[in-house]
């Protein structure tokens, strides 16, 4: 099993939720949701973040829709989809971070 770029996982060594930004061999490159310093973890020390893990970290649940009437949500979602279609893992990760940061700051009151 591998984790796709943008997936949320828990680094079980420290119990930290992280977002996958890359992978090479048996190591996965991670970053805190919303950005920050990247680190590597062995694949075996990760597990997929549950809905409860994501909600506790202030991330919206899987399948959440942009807020009705928000002008920025569709633009950010389009930028993310373009990055995915372009096959650039770094751009995809960055676009996802921007989209989720917007969601937390605007639609969750900065949580």
N, C-alpha and C. Protein backbone atom coordinates (compact mmCIF):
# COMPACT_ATOMS: atom_id res chain seq x y z
N UNK A 1 0.85 -1.19 0.00
CA UNK A 1 0.00 0.00 0.00
C UNK A 1 0.89 1.24 0.00
N UNK A 2 0.49 2.23 -0.77
CA UNK A 2 1.18 3.51 -0.76
C UNK A 2 0.16 4.60 -0.47
N UNK A 3 0.64 5.75 -0.10
CA UNK A 3 -0.23 6.89 0.16
C UNK A 3 -0.08 7.90 -0.96
N UNK A 4 -1.19 8.41 -1.45
CA UNK A 4 -1.13 9.39 -2.53
C UNK A 4 -0.69 10.74 -1.98
N UNK A 5 -0.15 11.56 -2.85
CA UNK A 5 0.22 12.91 -2.49
C UNK A 5 -1.04 13.64 -2.02
N UNK A 6 -0.95 14.29 -0.88
CA UNK A 6 -2.09 15.02 -0.33
C UNK A 6 -2.85 14.25 0.72
N UNK A 7 -2.60 12.93 0.83
CA UNK A 7 -3.30 12.12 1.83
C UNK A 7 -2.86 12.53 3.23
N UNK A 8 -3.78 12.45 4.18
CA UNK A 8 -3.46 12.73 5.57
C UNK A 8 -3.18 11.41 6.28
N UNK A 9 -2.05 11.38 6.97
CA UNK A 9 -1.62 10.20 7.70
C UNK A 9 -1.24 10.61 9.12
N UNK A 10 -1.07 9.62 9.96
CA UNK A 10 -0.58 9.86 11.32
C UNK A 10 0.78 9.20 11.42
N UNK A 11 1.77 9.99 11.81
CA UNK A 11 3.10 9.46 12.10
C UNK A 11 3.02 8.87 13.51
N UNK A 12 2.93 7.56 13.60
CA UNK A 12 2.67 6.91 14.89
C UNK A 12 3.84 7.01 15.86
N UNK A 13 5.01 7.40 15.38
CA UNK A 13 6.16 7.55 16.27
C UNK A 13 5.92 8.68 17.27
N UNK A 14 5.19 9.73 16.83
CA UNK A 14 4.91 10.86 17.71
C UNK A 14 3.43 11.21 17.79
N UNK A 15 2.60 10.47 17.05
CA UNK A 15 1.17 10.72 17.06
C UNK A 15 0.77 12.00 16.34
N UNK A 16 1.61 12.47 15.40
CA UNK A 16 1.33 13.71 14.69
C UNK A 16 0.62 13.44 13.37
N UNK A 17 -0.41 14.23 13.09
CA UNK A 17 -1.06 14.15 11.79
C UNK A 17 -0.23 14.94 10.80
N UNK A 18 -0.14 14.40 9.58
CA UNK A 18 0.69 15.02 8.55
C UNK A 18 0.06 14.77 7.19
N UNK A 19 0.57 15.53 6.22
CA UNK A 19 0.11 15.38 4.85
C UNK A 19 1.27 14.84 4.02
N UNK A 20 0.99 13.86 3.18
CA UNK A 20 2.01 13.27 2.33
C UNK A 20 2.34 14.26 1.21
N UNK A 21 3.65 14.55 1.07
CA UNK A 21 4.09 15.45 -0.01
C UNK A 21 5.05 14.76 -0.98
N UNK A 22 5.44 13.54 -0.66
CA UNK A 22 6.32 12.79 -1.55
C UNK A 22 6.67 11.44 -0.97
N UNK A 23 7.31 10.61 -1.79
CA UNK A 23 7.73 9.29 -1.34
C UNK A 23 8.89 8.82 -2.20
N UNK A 24 9.79 8.09 -1.57
CA UNK A 24 10.91 7.49 -2.28
C UNK A 24 11.27 6.20 -1.56
N UNK A 25 11.13 5.09 -2.25
CA UNK A 25 11.44 3.80 -1.64
C UNK A 25 10.52 3.53 -0.46
N UNK A 26 11.12 3.23 0.68
CA UNK A 26 10.33 2.90 1.87
C UNK A 26 10.11 4.10 2.77
N UNK A 27 10.48 5.30 2.30
CA UNK A 27 10.33 6.51 3.12
C UNK A 27 9.31 7.45 2.47
N UNK A 28 8.57 8.14 3.33
CA UNK A 28 7.53 9.07 2.89
C UNK A 28 7.89 10.45 3.42
N UNK A 29 7.76 11.47 2.58
CA UNK A 29 8.01 12.84 3.00
C UNK A 29 6.69 13.45 3.44
N UNK A 30 6.70 14.06 4.62
CA UNK A 30 5.49 14.58 5.26
C UNK A 30 5.64 16.05 5.60
N UNK A 31 4.49 16.71 5.77
CA UNK A 31 4.46 18.08 6.23
C UNK A 31 3.20 18.27 7.07
N UNK A 32 3.29 19.11 8.09
CA UNK A 32 2.11 19.41 8.91
C UNK A 32 1.02 20.01 8.02
N UNK A 33 -0.25 19.75 8.32
CA UNK A 33 -1.32 20.39 7.55
C UNK A 33 -1.18 21.91 7.63
N UNK A 34 -1.32 22.57 6.51
CA UNK A 34 -1.18 24.02 6.48
C UNK A 34 0.23 24.48 6.21
N UNK A 35 1.19 23.56 6.10
CA UNK A 35 2.55 23.93 5.77
C UNK A 35 3.52 23.73 6.91
N UNK A 36 4.75 24.09 6.66
CA UNK A 36 5.78 23.96 7.67
C UNK A 36 6.94 23.11 7.18
N UNK A 37 7.81 22.79 8.10
CA UNK A 37 9.01 22.01 7.79
C UNK A 37 8.62 20.57 7.45
N UNK A 38 9.24 20.06 6.41
CA UNK A 38 8.99 18.68 6.00
C UNK A 38 9.90 17.73 6.78
N UNK A 39 9.44 16.49 6.93
CA UNK A 39 10.27 15.44 7.52
C UNK A 39 9.96 14.13 6.82
N UNK A 40 10.84 13.18 7.01
CA UNK A 40 10.65 11.86 6.42
C UNK A 40 10.30 10.85 7.51
N UNK A 41 9.52 9.87 7.12
CA UNK A 41 9.16 8.80 8.03
C UNK A 41 9.16 7.49 7.26
N UNK A 42 9.54 6.39 7.92
CA UNK A 42 9.43 5.10 7.27
C UNK A 42 7.95 4.76 7.04
N UNK A 43 7.69 4.15 5.92
CA UNK A 43 6.31 3.81 5.56
C UNK A 43 5.62 3.04 6.68
N UNK A 44 6.33 2.15 7.33
CA UNK A 44 5.75 1.30 8.37
C UNK A 44 5.31 2.05 9.62
N UNK A 45 5.76 3.28 9.78
CA UNK A 45 5.38 4.04 10.98
C UNK A 45 4.17 4.94 10.73
N UNK A 46 3.55 4.79 9.57
CA UNK A 46 2.40 5.63 9.22
C UNK A 46 1.12 4.82 9.17
N UNK A 47 0.02 5.52 9.45
CA UNK A 47 -1.30 4.94 9.21
C UNK A 47 -2.17 6.05 8.63
N UNK A 48 -3.15 5.67 7.85
CA UNK A 48 -4.05 6.64 7.27
C UNK A 48 -4.83 7.34 8.38
N UNK A 49 -4.92 8.67 8.29
CA UNK A 49 -5.66 9.43 9.30
C UNK A 49 -7.15 9.13 9.19
N UNK A 50 -7.78 8.90 10.32
CA UNK A 50 -9.21 8.67 10.35
C UNK A 50 -9.95 10.00 10.26
N UNK A 51 -11.23 9.92 10.06
CA UNK A 51 -12.05 11.13 10.06
C UNK A 51 -11.89 11.87 11.39
N UNK A 52 -11.86 11.12 12.47
CA UNK A 52 -11.71 11.73 13.79
C UNK A 52 -10.35 12.43 13.92
N UNK A 53 -9.30 11.81 13.39
CA UNK A 53 -7.97 12.44 13.40
C UNK A 53 -8.00 13.76 12.64
N UNK A 54 -8.63 13.75 11.46
CA UNK A 54 -8.68 14.96 10.63
C UNK A 54 -9.51 16.05 11.30
N UNK A 55 -10.63 15.68 11.87
CA UNK A 55 -11.48 16.68 12.54
C UNK A 55 -10.78 17.24 13.77
N UNK A 56 -10.08 16.40 14.54
CA UNK A 56 -9.36 16.87 15.72
C UNK A 56 -8.24 17.84 15.35
N UNK A 57 -7.68 17.67 14.14
CA UNK A 57 -6.61 18.56 13.67
C UNK A 57 -7.16 19.82 13.01
N UNK A 58 -8.49 19.95 12.95
CA UNK A 58 -9.09 21.14 12.35
C UNK A 58 -9.23 21.08 10.85
N UNK A 59 -9.15 19.87 10.29
CA UNK A 59 -9.32 19.69 8.85
C UNK A 59 -10.75 19.29 8.58
N UNK A 60 -11.26 19.68 7.42
CA UNK A 60 -12.64 19.31 7.14
C UNK A 60 -12.73 17.84 6.81
N UNK A 61 -13.88 17.22 7.06
CA UNK A 61 -14.06 15.80 6.76
C UNK A 61 -13.96 15.52 5.27
N UNK A 62 -13.64 14.28 4.93
CA UNK A 62 -13.57 13.88 3.53
C UNK A 62 -14.88 14.17 2.82
N UNK A 63 -14.78 14.62 1.59
CA UNK A 63 -15.97 14.88 0.79
C UNK A 63 -16.66 16.19 1.09
N UNK A 64 -16.10 17.01 1.97
CA UNK A 64 -16.73 18.30 2.29
C UNK A 64 -16.77 19.17 1.04
N UNK A 65 -17.79 19.94 0.93
CA UNK A 65 -17.97 20.82 -0.23
C UNK A 65 -17.62 22.25 0.15
N UNK A 66 -17.15 23.03 -0.83
CA UNK A 66 -16.91 24.44 -0.55
C UNK A 66 -18.18 25.14 -0.09
N UNK A 67 -18.01 26.17 0.69
CA UNK A 67 -19.16 26.93 1.19
C UNK A 67 -19.89 27.58 0.03
N UNK A 68 -21.21 27.51 0.07
CA UNK A 68 -22.03 28.13 -0.96
C UNK A 68 -21.76 29.63 -1.00
N UNK A 69 -21.51 30.14 -2.18
CA UNK A 69 -21.31 31.56 -2.35
C UNK A 69 -19.88 32.03 -2.15
N UNK A 70 -18.97 31.17 -1.73
CA UNK A 70 -17.58 31.59 -1.55
C UNK A 70 -16.94 31.73 -2.93
N UNK A 71 -16.40 32.89 -3.20
CA UNK A 71 -15.79 33.16 -4.50
C UNK A 71 -14.45 32.44 -4.63
N UNK A 72 -13.72 32.27 -3.54
CA UNK A 72 -12.39 31.69 -3.59
C UNK A 72 -12.38 30.17 -3.71
N UNK A 73 -13.35 29.49 -3.09
CA UNK A 73 -13.33 28.03 -3.08
C UNK A 73 -13.24 27.41 -4.48
N UNK A 74 -14.09 27.81 -5.43
CA UNK A 74 -13.99 27.20 -6.77
C UNK A 74 -12.65 27.49 -7.45
N UNK A 75 -12.09 28.67 -7.24
CA UNK A 75 -10.80 29.00 -7.84
C UNK A 75 -9.69 28.12 -7.28
N UNK A 76 -9.70 27.94 -5.95
CA UNK A 76 -8.69 27.13 -5.31
C UNK A 76 -8.84 25.66 -5.69
N UNK A 77 -10.08 25.19 -5.79
CA UNK A 77 -10.33 23.81 -6.20
C UNK A 77 -9.86 23.59 -7.64
N UNK A 78 -10.11 24.57 -8.52
CA UNK A 78 -9.66 24.47 -9.92
C UNK A 78 -8.13 24.43 -9.99
N UNK A 79 -7.46 25.24 -9.17
CA UNK A 79 -6.00 25.24 -9.15
C UNK A 79 -5.47 23.88 -8.70
N UNK A 80 -6.12 23.30 -7.71
CA UNK A 80 -5.73 21.97 -7.24
C UNK A 80 -5.94 20.93 -8.35
N UNK A 81 -7.10 20.95 -9.00
CA UNK A 81 -7.38 20.00 -10.07
C UNK A 81 -6.39 20.14 -11.23
N UNK A 82 -6.01 21.38 -11.56
CA UNK A 82 -5.03 21.62 -12.62
C UNK A 82 -3.67 21.02 -12.24
N UNK A 83 -3.28 21.18 -10.97
CA UNK A 83 -2.00 20.63 -10.51
C UNK A 83 -2.02 19.10 -10.58
N UNK A 84 -3.14 18.49 -10.18
CA UNK A 84 -3.26 17.03 -10.26
C UNK A 84 -3.16 16.59 -11.72
N UNK A 85 -3.88 17.26 -12.60
CA UNK A 85 -3.88 16.91 -14.02
C UNK A 85 -2.49 17.08 -14.64
N UNK A 86 -1.72 18.04 -14.13
CA UNK A 86 -0.38 18.29 -14.65
C UNK A 86 0.65 17.28 -14.18
N UNK A 87 0.31 16.48 -13.18
CA UNK A 87 1.20 15.43 -12.72
C UNK A 87 2.38 15.91 -11.89
N UNK A 88 2.34 17.16 -11.44
CA UNK A 88 3.43 17.70 -10.63
C UNK A 88 3.08 17.50 -9.15
N UNK A 89 3.77 16.56 -8.51
CA UNK A 89 3.46 16.21 -7.12
C UNK A 89 3.66 17.39 -6.18
N UNK A 90 4.70 18.17 -6.39
CA UNK A 90 4.96 19.32 -5.52
C UNK A 90 3.85 20.36 -5.66
N UNK A 91 3.49 20.70 -6.91
CA UNK A 91 2.43 21.68 -7.14
C UNK A 91 1.10 21.18 -6.59
N UNK A 92 0.84 19.88 -6.69
CA UNK A 92 -0.39 19.30 -6.16
C UNK A 92 -0.44 19.46 -4.64
N UNK A 93 0.65 19.14 -3.98
CA UNK A 93 0.71 19.29 -2.52
C UNK A 93 0.53 20.72 -2.09
N UNK A 94 1.20 21.64 -2.78
CA UNK A 94 1.09 23.06 -2.45
C UNK A 94 -0.34 23.57 -2.65
N UNK A 95 -0.97 23.19 -3.76
CA UNK A 95 -2.33 23.63 -4.03
C UNK A 95 -3.30 23.09 -2.98
N UNK A 96 -3.09 21.87 -2.54
CA UNK A 96 -3.95 21.29 -1.52
C UNK A 96 -3.78 22.00 -0.18
N UNK A 97 -2.54 22.35 0.16
CA UNK A 97 -2.29 23.09 1.39
C UNK A 97 -3.02 24.43 1.35
N UNK A 98 -2.94 25.14 0.23
CA UNK A 98 -3.60 26.44 0.10
C UNK A 98 -5.11 26.29 0.23
N UNK A 99 -5.66 25.29 -0.43
CA UNK A 99 -7.10 25.05 -0.38
C UNK A 99 -7.56 24.75 1.04
N UNK A 100 -6.86 23.88 1.72
CA UNK A 100 -7.27 23.51 3.08
C UNK A 100 -7.02 24.64 4.07
N UNK A 101 -5.97 25.41 3.88
CA UNK A 101 -5.73 26.55 4.76
C UNK A 101 -6.88 27.57 4.60
N UNK A 102 -7.30 27.81 3.37
CA UNK A 102 -8.44 28.70 3.12
C UNK A 102 -9.68 28.18 3.85
N UNK A 103 -9.93 26.88 3.70
CA UNK A 103 -11.11 26.29 4.34
C UNK A 103 -11.09 26.53 5.85
N UNK A 104 -9.94 26.23 6.48
CA UNK A 104 -9.85 26.40 7.94
C UNK A 104 -10.00 27.86 8.35
N UNK A 105 -9.31 28.76 7.66
CA UNK A 105 -9.29 30.15 8.07
C UNK A 105 -10.62 30.86 7.79
N UNK A 106 -11.23 30.58 6.66
CA UNK A 106 -12.45 31.30 6.27
C UNK A 106 -13.71 30.60 6.73
N UNK A 107 -13.78 29.30 6.57
CA UNK A 107 -15.03 28.59 6.81
C UNK A 107 -15.11 27.92 8.19
N UNK A 108 -13.98 27.85 8.88
CA UNK A 108 -13.99 27.25 10.21
C UNK A 108 -13.56 28.29 11.26
N UNK A 109 -13.52 29.51 10.87
CA UNK A 109 -13.21 30.58 11.83
C UNK A 109 -11.77 30.59 12.32
N UNK A 110 -10.85 30.13 11.47
CA UNK A 110 -9.44 30.18 11.84
C UNK A 110 -9.00 29.07 12.75
N UNK A 111 -9.77 28.00 12.85
CA UNK A 111 -9.44 26.86 13.73
C UNK A 111 -8.17 26.20 13.31
